[in-house]
Amino acid sequence: MPSFPILDVAIGLSFVYLLLALICTTVNEMIAGWRRTRATFLDEGIRRLLGDDLKLSLYAHPLIASLAQNAKSICPSYIPANKFATALMDVMTGAGVASTDVGALRKQIQSNPAPAAQALNALLGDADLSADQIREKIASWFDDQMDRVSGWYKRNAQRNAMILAILITLALNASTLRMAQILWETPAVRTAVVEAAKIRAQQERPPELLPMVEYPDPNNPTASKPLNVPKDQALTPAEREALGQLTGWYWDLHDREQSQENWYLWALSHLAGWAITALAVSLGAPFWFDTLNRFMSIRNAGRAPDEKRAKNAPAAEPEVR
């Protein structure tokens, strides 16, 4: 297959951006787990729904308390909508009254000064609703709020990803201009990077910016783990080697000391290269995975046998037998 250096350089840069974006995602998730970011956002979302007093009563309910990670963490990272609805109904009806007692529930809502009371009154306006229907409406109300909370979480993750992209770019000296120069001037490195990129392009597409939380078994969240970067997205030895050939400070500074290049020109080119890399990496791993696959498709160009001929393409010559 013929080699196209410019296309291979584009593949190499897309591949590096993908690897750096995967590193950002991994670090972002580690920080989110350490800081319990999901639980923090969930707690704020519930506080806006219920108010402080009713929120704490909800957390104390056995159905919700059992979901907390430990005794010190009263707010879990995830609450199934059906358990939220059941626990809230039980809390609102009061001690000694079944949560299915619709009359008692409506009476408590009417007399409750919590911010949730007005919303619940509007939500449960139909007097003929059964306990199961009320539970479904409350669960839906909770899910709507969790959609907003997931939006808060994603915006926070995007901001953190931009910061991490800058830090990782500087730490690895991942200047786009220098990497493009290495790929263009060193065919051996370019070939190795393209081969590693080809393997990565055949793997599963990375997830979008991770939602606030996702559990494989929503009915048993304490036995599940929050969504993390899949293990097969960890960098392979070949990918780490390829990244090492294109990034790093040692040879860059060594070449700088050996050259008579103007310092300001060197600094300006690196600032531009770092800025391009950081902005590119902040676009996320899914974007660069798709871009890499598009470049790979172009590199493996050739119309498939069943692909329709373009309208303006010349008709095929009849075969002469």
Protein backbone atom coordinates (compact mmCIF):
# COMPACT_ATOMS: atom_id res chain seq x y z
CA MET A 1 0.00 0.00 0.00
CA PRO A 2 1.51 3.39 -0.93
CA SER A 3 2.51 5.67 1.92
CA PHE A 4 1.25 9.26 2.13
CA PRO A 5 3.47 11.13 4.62
CA ILE A 6 1.03 13.99 5.18
CA LEU A 7 -1.81 11.57 5.90
CA ASP A 8 0.42 9.51 8.18
CA VAL A 9 1.38 12.65 10.09
CA ALA A 10 -2.33 13.44 10.55
CA ILE A 11 -2.91 9.89 11.76
CA GLY A 12 0.01 10.16 14.16
CA LEU A 13 -1.22 13.44 15.66
CA SER A 14 -4.79 12.13 15.99
CA PHE A 15 -3.42 9.04 17.69
CA VAL A 16 -1.39 11.08 20.19
CA TYR A 17 -4.38 13.32 20.92
CA LEU A 18 -6.46 10.20 21.56
CA LEU A 19 -3.90 8.76 23.98
CA LEU A 20 -3.56 12.03 25.87
CA ALA A 21 -7.35 12.37 26.04
CA LEU A 22 -7.59 8.86 27.50
CA ILE A 23 -5.03 9.82 30.13
CA CYS A 24 -7.11 12.93 30.94
CA THR A 25 -10.26 10.85 31.28
CA THR A 26 -8.54 8.36 33.57
CA VAL A 27 -7.10 11.08 35.83
CA ASN A 28 -10.41 12.92 35.82
CA GLU A 29 -12.20 9.81 37.02
CA MET A 30 -9.58 9.19 39.71
CA ILE A 31 -10.03 12.73 41.01
CA ALA A 32 -13.83 12.40 40.89
CA GLY A 33 -13.63 9.19 42.92
CA TRP A 34 -11.21 10.66 45.45
CA ARG A 35 -13.27 13.83 45.94
CA ARG A 36 -16.58 11.95 45.79
CA THR A 37 -17.73 14.40 43.13
CA ARG A 38 -20.74 12.30 42.15
CA ALA A 39 -22.05 12.19 45.70
CA THR A 40 -21.53 15.95 46.04
CA PHE A 41 -23.54 16.74 42.92
CA LEU A 42 -26.24 14.24 43.86
CA ASP A 43 -26.50 15.79 47.32
CA GLU A 44 -26.94 19.28 45.83
CA GLY A 45 -29.57 18.00 43.41
CA ILE A 46 -31.59 16.39 46.21
CA ARG A 47 -31.21 19.46 48.41
CA ARG A 48 -32.77 21.60 45.67
CA LEU A 49 -35.65 19.15 45.39
CA LEU A 50 -36.40 18.62 49.07
CA GLY A 51 -34.66 21.26 51.18
CA ASP A 52 -32.18 20.52 53.95
CA ASP A 53 -34.48 19.06 56.60
CA LEU A 54 -36.39 16.68 54.36
CA LYS A 55 -33.16 15.71 52.62
CA LEU A 56 -31.58 14.60 55.90
CA SER A 57 -34.72 12.66 56.82
CA LEU A 58 -34.53 10.91 53.46
CA TYR A 59 -30.86 10.00 53.98
CA ALA A 60 -31.74 8.51 57.37
CA HIS A 61 -34.32 6.19 55.84
CA PRO A 62 -33.03 2.59 55.79
CA LEU A 63 -33.59 2.24 52.04
CA ILE A 64 -31.26 5.20 51.37
CA ALA A 65 -28.86 4.79 54.29
CA SER A 66 -28.00 1.29 53.05
CA LEU A 67 -26.72 2.77 49.78
CA ALA A 68 -24.08 4.99 51.40
CA GLN A 69 -20.48 3.92 50.95
CA ASN A 70 -19.78 4.04 54.68
CA ALA A 71 -21.15 5.47 57.92
CA LYS A 72 -19.34 8.79 57.39
CA SER A 73 -20.82 9.28 53.92
CA ILE A 74 -24.50 9.89 54.51
CA CYS A 75 -25.08 10.71 50.84
CA PRO A 76 -24.57 7.82 48.43
CA SER A 77 -23.17 8.24 44.93
CA TYR A 78 -26.32 6.83 43.40
CA ILE A 79 -29.97 6.43 44.39
CA PRO A 80 -32.37 4.40 42.20
CA ALA A 81 -35.47 6.42 41.36
CA ASN A 82 -37.85 3.75 42.66
CA LYS A 83 -36.09 3.63 46.04
CA PHE A 84 -36.07 7.42 46.25
CA ALA A 85 -39.82 7.51 45.61
CA THR A 86 -40.61 4.76 48.13
CA ALA A 87 -38.40 6.27 50.83
CA LEU A 88 -39.78 9.77 50.29
CA MET A 89 -43.37 8.56 50.48
CA ASP A 90 -42.55 6.70 53.69
CA VAL A 91 -40.86 9.76 55.20
CA MET A 92 -43.69 12.09 54.16
CA THR A 93 -46.51 9.93 55.57
CA GLY A 94 -44.82 9.90 58.97
CA ALA A 95 -43.99 7.22 61.53
CA GLY A 96 -46.43 4.36 61.95
CA VAL A 97 -48.27 5.09 58.71
CA ALA A 98 -47.87 2.93 55.61
CA SER A 99 -46.27 4.68 52.63
CA THR A 100 -49.18 3.41 50.53
CA ASP A 101 -51.66 5.47 52.56
CA VAL A 102 -52.45 8.08 49.90
CA GLY A 103 -54.68 10.11 52.20
CA ALA A 104 -52.03 10.43 54.90
CA LEU A 105 -49.42 11.29 52.28
CA ARG A 106 -51.52 14.10 50.81
CA LYS A 107 -52.28 15.45 54.29
CA GLN A 108 -48.60 15.55 55.23
CA ILE A 109 -47.71 17.23 51.95
CA GLN A 110 -50.30 19.94 52.56
CA SER A 111 -48.90 20.69 56.03
CA ASN A 112 -45.21 20.35 55.16
CA PRO A 113 -43.31 23.65 54.77
CA ALA A 114 -40.49 22.02 52.81
CA PRO A 115 -39.75 23.36 49.29
CA ALA A 116 -40.81 19.98 47.93
CA ALA A 117 -44.39 20.39 49.16
CA GLN A 118 -45.43 22.84 46.44
CA ALA A 119 -43.84 20.73 43.73
CA LEU A 120 -45.47 17.57 45.07
CA ASN A 121 -48.87 19.26 45.29
CA ALA A 122 -48.61 20.19 41.62
CA LEU A 123 -47.26 16.77 40.74
CA LEU A 124 -50.03 14.89 42.52
CA GLY A 125 -52.91 17.16 41.53
CA ASP A 126 -55.06 14.28 40.33
CA ALA A 127 -57.06 13.08 43.34
CA ASP A 128 -57.62 9.64 41.81
CA LEU A 129 -53.96 8.63 41.71
CA SER A 130 -53.14 5.34 43.36
CA ALA A 131 -50.07 4.76 45.53
CA ASP A 132 -48.26 3.04 42.67
CA GLN A 133 -49.05 5.91 40.29
CA ILE A 134 -47.82 8.44 42.85
CA ARG A 135 -44.62 6.45 43.25
CA GLU A 136 -44.09 6.48 39.48
CA LYS A 137 -44.66 10.25 39.30
CA ILE A 138 -42.20 10.92 42.13
CA ALA A 139 -39.64 8.61 40.48
CA SER A 140 -40.06 10.48 37.20
CA TRP A 141 -39.69 13.81 39.02
CA PHE A 142 -36.45 12.54 40.56
CA ASP A 143 -35.16 11.29 37.20
CA ASP A 144 -35.78 14.70 35.62
CA GLN A 145 -33.72 16.32 38.35
CA MET A 146 -30.96 13.74 37.92
CA ASP A 147 -30.77 14.64 34.22
CA ARG A 148 -29.99 18.20 35.27
CA VAL A 149 -27.48 17.00 37.85
CA SER A 150 -25.76 14.91 35.19
CA GLY A 151 -25.49 18.09 33.12
CA TRP A 152 -23.79 19.85 36.04
CA TYR A 153 -21.43 16.93 36.44
CA LYS A 154 -20.52 16.85 32.75
CA ARG A 155 -19.83 20.59 32.65
CA ASN A 156 -17.60 20.18 35.69
CA ALA A 157 -15.85 17.24 34.00
CA GLN A 158 -15.32 19.31 30.85
CA ARG A 159 -13.74 22.13 32.82
CA ASN A 160 -11.50 19.68 34.67
CA ALA A 161 -10.59 17.99 31.38
CA MET A 162 -9.39 21.33 29.97
CA ILE A 163 -7.22 21.96 33.03
CA LEU A 164 -5.84 18.41 32.92
CA ALA A 165 -5.17 18.73 29.18
CA ILE A 166 -3.01 21.78 29.83
CA LEU A 167 -1.14 20.15 32.71
CA ILE A 168 -0.51 16.88 30.86
CA THR A 169 0.54 18.72 27.71
CA LEU A 170 3.13 20.72 29.64
CA ALA A 171 4.30 17.77 31.72
CA LEU A 172 4.94 15.65 28.61
CA ASN A 173 6.02 18.58 26.43
CA ALA A 174 3.46 17.44 23.88
CA SER A 175 3.91 20.26 21.38
CA THR A 176 1.90 19.63 18.23
CA LEU A 177 4.42 21.49 16.07
CA ARG A 178 7.35 19.45 17.37
CA MET A 179 5.45 16.16 17.12
CA ALA A 180 4.47 16.95 13.53
CA GLN A 181 8.12 17.73 12.75
CA ILE A 182 9.31 14.43 14.22
CA LEU A 183 6.65 12.47 12.33
CA TRP A 184 7.49 14.24 9.08
CA GLU A 185 11.29 13.92 9.35
CA THR A 186 11.54 10.42 10.87
CA PRO A 187 9.92 7.73 8.69
CA ALA A 188 10.74 4.95 11.19
CA VAL A 189 8.91 6.74 14.00
CA ARG A 190 6.04 7.62 11.68
CA THR A 191 5.64 3.99 10.62
CA ALA A 192 5.69 2.71 14.20
CA VAL A 193 3.14 5.28 15.33
CA VAL A 194 0.81 4.51 12.41
CA GLU A 195 0.98 0.78 13.19
CA ALA A 196 0.13 1.41 16.85
CA ALA A 197 -2.69 3.71 15.76
CA LYS A 198 -4.06 1.02 13.47
CA ILE A 199 -4.37 -1.38 16.43
CA ARG A 200 -6.04 1.25 18.62
CA ALA A 201 -8.52 2.13 15.86
CA GLN A 202 -9.76 -1.48 15.87
CA GLN A 203 -10.70 -1.34 19.56
CA GLU A 204 -13.96 -0.27 21.12
CA ARG A 205 -14.88 3.40 20.94
CA PRO A 206 -14.22 5.22 24.24
CA PRO A 207 -17.29 6.51 26.11
CA GLU A 208 -18.42 10.10 25.94
CA LEU A 209 -17.82 12.33 28.93
CA LEU A 210 -18.85 10.09 31.76
CA PRO A 211 -22.33 10.66 33.22
CA MET A 212 -22.80 11.40 36.87
CA VAL A 213 -23.11 7.73 37.67
CA GLU A 214 -24.00 4.45 36.05
CA TYR A 215 -24.47 1.06 37.67
CA PRO A 216 -24.93 -2.27 35.91
CA ASP A 217 -27.44 -3.36 38.57
CA PRO A 218 -29.56 -0.38 39.69
CA ASN A 219 -31.41 -2.55 42.21
CA ASN A 220 -28.18 -3.38 44.00
CA PRO A 221 -25.96 -0.29 43.74
CA THR A 222 -23.91 -1.06 46.85
CA ALA A 223 -22.49 -4.12 45.09
CA SER A 224 -21.72 -2.16 41.93
CA LYS A 225 -19.05 0.33 40.96
CA PRO A 226 -19.41 3.74 39.34
CA LEU A 227 -18.62 3.94 35.66
CA ASN A 228 -14.88 4.13 35.00
CA VAL A 229 -12.65 3.97 31.98
CA PRO A 230 -12.64 0.37 30.68
CA LYS A 231 -9.45 -1.52 31.39
CA ASP A 232 -8.78 -2.15 27.70
CA GLN A 233 -8.32 1.59 27.24
CA ALA A 234 -5.12 1.62 29.30
CA LEU A 235 -2.11 2.45 27.18
CA THR A 236 -0.27 -0.58 25.82
CA PRO A 237 3.55 -0.79 25.87
CA ALA A 238 3.62 0.01 22.14
CA GLU A 239 1.44 3.07 22.69
CA ARG A 240 3.58 4.27 25.58
CA GLU A 241 6.68 3.81 23.44
CA ALA A 242 5.10 5.74 20.56
CA LEU A 243 4.10 8.52 22.93
CA GLY A 244 7.62 8.60 24.36
CA GLN A 245 9.12 9.03 20.91
CA LEU A 246 7.01 12.10 20.22
CA THR A 247 6.95 13.80 23.62
CA GLY A 248 9.33 14.56 26.45
CA TRP A 249 11.68 17.30 27.56
CA TYR A 250 15.17 15.80 27.48
CA TRP A 251 15.96 15.83 23.79
CA ASP A 252 14.00 18.99 23.20
CA LEU A 253 16.08 20.95 25.71
CA HIS A 254 19.27 19.23 24.56
CA ASP A 255 18.62 20.27 20.95
CA ARG A 256 17.81 23.77 22.15
CA GLU A 257 21.17 24.07 23.93
CA GLN A 258 23.07 22.75 20.91
CA SER A 259 21.43 25.12 18.43
CA GLN A 260 21.83 28.83 17.81
CA GLU A 261 18.11 29.25 17.41
CA ASN A 262 16.63 32.43 18.83
CA TRP A 263 15.20 31.78 22.28
CA TYR A 264 12.05 33.78 21.61
CA LEU A 265 11.34 31.85 18.44
CA TRP A 266 11.80 28.56 20.32
CA ALA A 267 9.48 29.70 23.11
CA LEU A 268 6.86 31.05 20.69
CA SER A 269 6.77 27.84 18.67
CA HIS A 270 6.38 25.76 21.82
CA LEU A 271 3.64 27.96 23.25
CA ALA A 272 1.74 27.62 19.99
CA GLY A 273 2.34 23.86 19.91
CA TRP A 274 1.22 23.40 23.50
CA ALA A 275 -1.91 25.49 22.96
CA ILE A 276 -2.90 23.44 19.90
CA THR A 277 -2.35 20.17 21.78
CA ALA A 278 -4.27 21.25 24.90
CA LEU A 279 -7.24 22.45 22.86
CA ALA A 280 -7.22 19.27 20.78
CA VAL A 281 -7.01 16.97 23.80
CA SER A 282 -9.87 18.80 25.53
CA LEU A 283 -12.16 17.68 22.68
CA GLY A 284 -12.14 14.24 24.25
CA ALA A 285 -11.17 10.68 23.39
CA PRO A 286 -14.37 9.80 21.44
CA PHE A 287 -13.79 12.71 19.04
CA TRP A 288 -10.21 11.67 18.28
CA PHE A 289 -11.13 8.01 18.05
CA ASP A 290 -13.66 8.85 15.33
CA THR A 291 -11.19 11.19 13.62
CA LEU A 292 -8.50 8.53 13.69
CA ASN A 293 -10.85 6.01 12.09
CA ARG A 294 -11.75 8.49 9.36
CA PHE A 295 -8.10 9.02 8.54
CA MET A 296 -7.55 5.26 8.57
CA SER A 297 -10.43 4.83 6.13
CA ILE A 298 -8.85 7.39 3.81
CA ARG A 299 -5.49 5.64 4.10
CA ASN A 300 -7.12 2.35 3.21
CA ALA A 301 -8.92 4.09 0.36
CA GLY A 302 -10.71 2.08 -2.23
CA ARG A 303 -14.34 1.82 -3.22
CA ALA A 304 -16.02 -1.23 -1.80
CA PRO A 305 -17.46 -3.66 -4.37
CA ASP A 306 -21.01 -2.89 -3.27
CA GLU A 307 -20.47 0.88 -2.98
CA LYS A 308 -22.61 2.93 -5.39
CA ARG A 309 -20.77 4.80 -8.13
CA ALA A 310 -20.93 8.59 -7.88
CA LYS A 311 -23.36 10.22 -10.29
CA ASN A 312 -20.61 12.21 -12.00
CA ALA A 313 -18.22 9.26 -12.27
CA PRO A 314 -17.61 7.90 -15.77
CA ALA A 315 -19.35 4.68 -16.61
CA ALA A 316 -17.23 1.56 -16.50
CA GLU A 317 -15.92 0.30 -19.80
CA PRO A 318 -17.71 -2.85 -20.97
CA GLU A 319 -15.64 -5.94 -20.54
CA VAL A 320 -14.30 -7.35 -23.80
CA ARG A 321 -14.29 -11.09 -23.92
